[in-house]
Amino acid sequence: MDTDPTTQQQYVRLAWNAVSKAADLAGQAENAAREGDRQKQVAPLATAGALWADVARTYSAIAAILPEPTDQDTEDTHA
């Protein structure tokens, strides 16, 4: 199987980005709950945050099963 050596790193980066979005949305939901805006904003923000957390877990799982690039792979990529 021919694997792009940067693929695992790309999925790790995608996972980190999704985690960041999930954390941001969780913070927004928390702020909305503190401000008493529970019915309008908390549920949708929390739901969106949970979905982004699922996306992060999926990207992480994909990255975990991909082979790690070797030094030779990274040299070939930058050549």
C-alpha atoms as a PDB file:
ATOM      1  CA  MET A   1       0.000   0.000   0.000  1.00  0.00           C
ATOM      2  CA  ASP A   2       1.442   3.342  -1.061  1.00  0.00           C
ATOM      3  CA  THR A   3       0.827   5.871   1.713  1.00  0.00           C
ATOM      4  CA  ASP A   4       1.508   9.586   1.582  1.00  0.00           C
ATOM      5  CA  PRO A   5       3.890  10.157   4.507  1.00  0.00           C
ATOM      6  CA  THR A   6       2.163  13.365   5.517  1.00  0.00           C
ATOM      7  CA  THR A   7      -1.299  11.768   5.730  1.00  0.00           C
ATOM      8  CA  GLN A   8      -0.978  10.767   9.390  1.00  0.00           C
ATOM      9  CA  GLN A   9       0.274  14.227  10.291  1.00  0.00           C
ATOM     10  CA  GLN A  10      -2.596  15.797   8.359  1.00  0.00           C
ATOM     11  CA  TYR A  11      -5.150  13.756  10.290  1.00  0.00           C
ATOM     12  CA  VAL A  12      -3.511  14.683  13.588  1.00  0.00           C
ATOM     13  CA  ARG A  13      -3.698  18.347  12.583  1.00  0.00           C
ATOM     14  CA  LEU A  14      -7.363  17.937  11.589  1.00  0.00           C
ATOM     15  CA  ALA A  15      -8.051  16.317  14.966  1.00  0.00           C
ATOM     16  CA  TRP A  16      -6.416  19.212  16.831  1.00  0.00           C
ATOM     17  CA  ASN A  17      -8.449  21.710  14.827  1.00  0.00           C
ATOM     18  CA  ALA A  18     -11.656  19.827  15.615  1.00  0.00           C
ATOM     19  CA  VAL A  19     -10.741  19.677  19.311  1.00  0.00           C
ATOM     20  CA  SER A  20     -10.203  23.421  19.263  1.00  0.00           C
ATOM     21  CA  LYS A  21     -13.646  23.989  17.732  1.00  0.00           C
ATOM     22  CA  ALA A  22     -15.250  21.630  20.260  1.00  0.00           C
ATOM     23  CA  ALA A  23     -13.573  23.421  23.154  1.00  0.00           C
ATOM     24  CA  ASP A  24     -14.615  26.821  21.819  1.00  0.00           C
ATOM     25  CA  LEU A  25     -18.232  25.728  21.444  1.00  0.00           C
ATOM     26  CA  ALA A  26     -18.214  24.178  24.920  1.00  0.00           C
ATOM     27  CA  GLY A  27     -16.977  27.482  26.321  1.00  0.00           C
ATOM     28  CA  GLN A  28     -19.704  29.348  24.466  1.00  0.00           C
ATOM     29  CA  ALA A  29     -22.336  26.948  25.806  1.00  0.00           C
ATOM     30  CA  GLU A  30     -20.981  27.394  29.323  1.00  0.00           C
ATOM     31  CA  ASN A  31     -21.119  31.182  28.992  1.00  0.00           C
ATOM     32  CA  ALA A  32     -24.656  31.031  27.627  1.00  0.00           C
ATOM     33  CA  ALA A  33     -25.721  28.841  30.542  1.00  0.00           C
ATOM     34  CA  ARG A  34     -24.209  31.271  33.038  1.00  0.00           C
ATOM     35  CA  GLU A  35     -25.984  34.172  31.357  1.00  0.00           C
ATOM     36  CA  GLY A  36     -29.311  32.366  31.621  1.00  0.00           C
ATOM     37  CA  ASP A  37     -29.838  31.967  27.883  1.00  0.00           C
ATOM     38  CA  ARG A  38     -30.384  28.243  28.236  1.00  0.00           C
ATOM     39  CA  GLN A  39     -33.265  27.642  25.880  1.00  0.00           C
ATOM     40  CA  LYS A  40     -31.934  29.528  22.871  1.00  0.00           C
ATOM     41  CA  GLN A  41     -28.189  28.887  22.813  1.00  0.00           C
ATOM     42  CA  VAL A  42     -26.951  26.267  25.237  1.00  0.00           C
ATOM     43  CA  ALA A  43     -28.411  23.175  23.585  1.00  0.00           C
ATOM     44  CA  PRO A  44     -27.374  24.033  20.012  1.00  0.00           C
ATOM     45  CA  LEU A  45     -23.878  25.087  21.108  1.00  0.00           C
ATOM     46  CA  ALA A  46     -23.439  21.965  23.225  1.00  0.00           C
ATOM     47  CA  THR A  47     -24.690  19.769  20.384  1.00  0.00           C
ATOM     48  CA  ALA A  48     -22.320  21.371  17.898  1.00  0.00           C
ATOM     49  CA  GLY A  49     -19.448  20.989  20.370  1.00  0.00           C
ATOM     50  CA  ALA A  50     -20.268  17.308  20.841  1.00  0.00           C
ATOM     51  CA  LEU A  51     -20.313  16.785  17.086  1.00  0.00           C
ATOM     52  CA  TRP A  52     -16.895  18.426  16.726  1.00  0.00           C
ATOM     53  CA  ALA A  53     -15.604  16.214  19.546  1.00  0.00           C
ATOM     54  CA  ASP A  54     -16.840  13.185  17.585  1.00  0.00           C
ATOM     55  CA  VAL A  55     -15.064  14.499  14.486  1.00  0.00           C
ATOM     56  CA  ALA A  56     -11.861  14.899  16.514  1.00  0.00           C
ATOM     57  CA  ARG A  57     -12.127  11.320  17.791  1.00  0.00           C
ATOM     58  CA  THR A  58     -12.674  10.063  14.242  1.00  0.00           C
ATOM     59  CA  TYR A  59      -9.649  11.922  12.878  1.00  0.00           C
ATOM     60  CA  SER A  60      -7.574  10.660  15.804  1.00  0.00           C
ATOM     61  CA  ALA A  61      -8.634   7.076  15.141  1.00  0.00           C
ATOM     62  CA  ILE A  62      -7.708   7.398  11.475  1.00  0.00           C
ATOM     63  CA  ALA A  63      -4.321   8.886  12.352  1.00  0.00           C
ATOM     64  CA  ALA A  64      -3.703   6.080  14.848  1.00  0.00           C
ATOM     65  CA  ILE A  65      -4.028   3.352  12.217  1.00  0.00           C
ATOM     66  CA  LEU A  66      -1.911   5.059   9.573  1.00  0.00           C
ATOM     67  CA  PRO A  67       1.806   4.332   9.488  1.00  0.00           C
ATOM     68  CA  GLU A  68       4.088   6.983  10.909  1.00  0.00           C
ATOM     69  CA  PRO A  69       6.331   8.603   8.323  1.00  0.00           C
ATOM     70  CA  THR A  70       9.953   7.539   8.412  1.00  0.00           C
ATOM     71  CA  ASP A  71      12.890   9.922   8.100  1.00  0.00           C
ATOM     72  CA  GLN A  72      13.244   8.771   4.495  1.00  0.00           C
ATOM     73  CA  ASP A  73       9.582   9.601   3.803  1.00  0.00           C
ATOM     74  CA  THR A  74       9.947  13.140   5.149  1.00  0.00           C
ATOM     75  CA  GLU A  75      13.140  13.646   3.108  1.00  0.00           C
ATOM     76  CA  ASP A  76      11.336  12.494  -0.032  1.00  0.00           C
ATOM     77  CA  THR A  77       8.441  14.839   0.685  1.00  0.00           C
ATOM     78  CA  HIS A  78      10.709  17.874   1.053  1.00  0.00           C
ATOM     79  CA  ALA A  79      12.883  17.059  -1.970  1.00  0.00           C
END
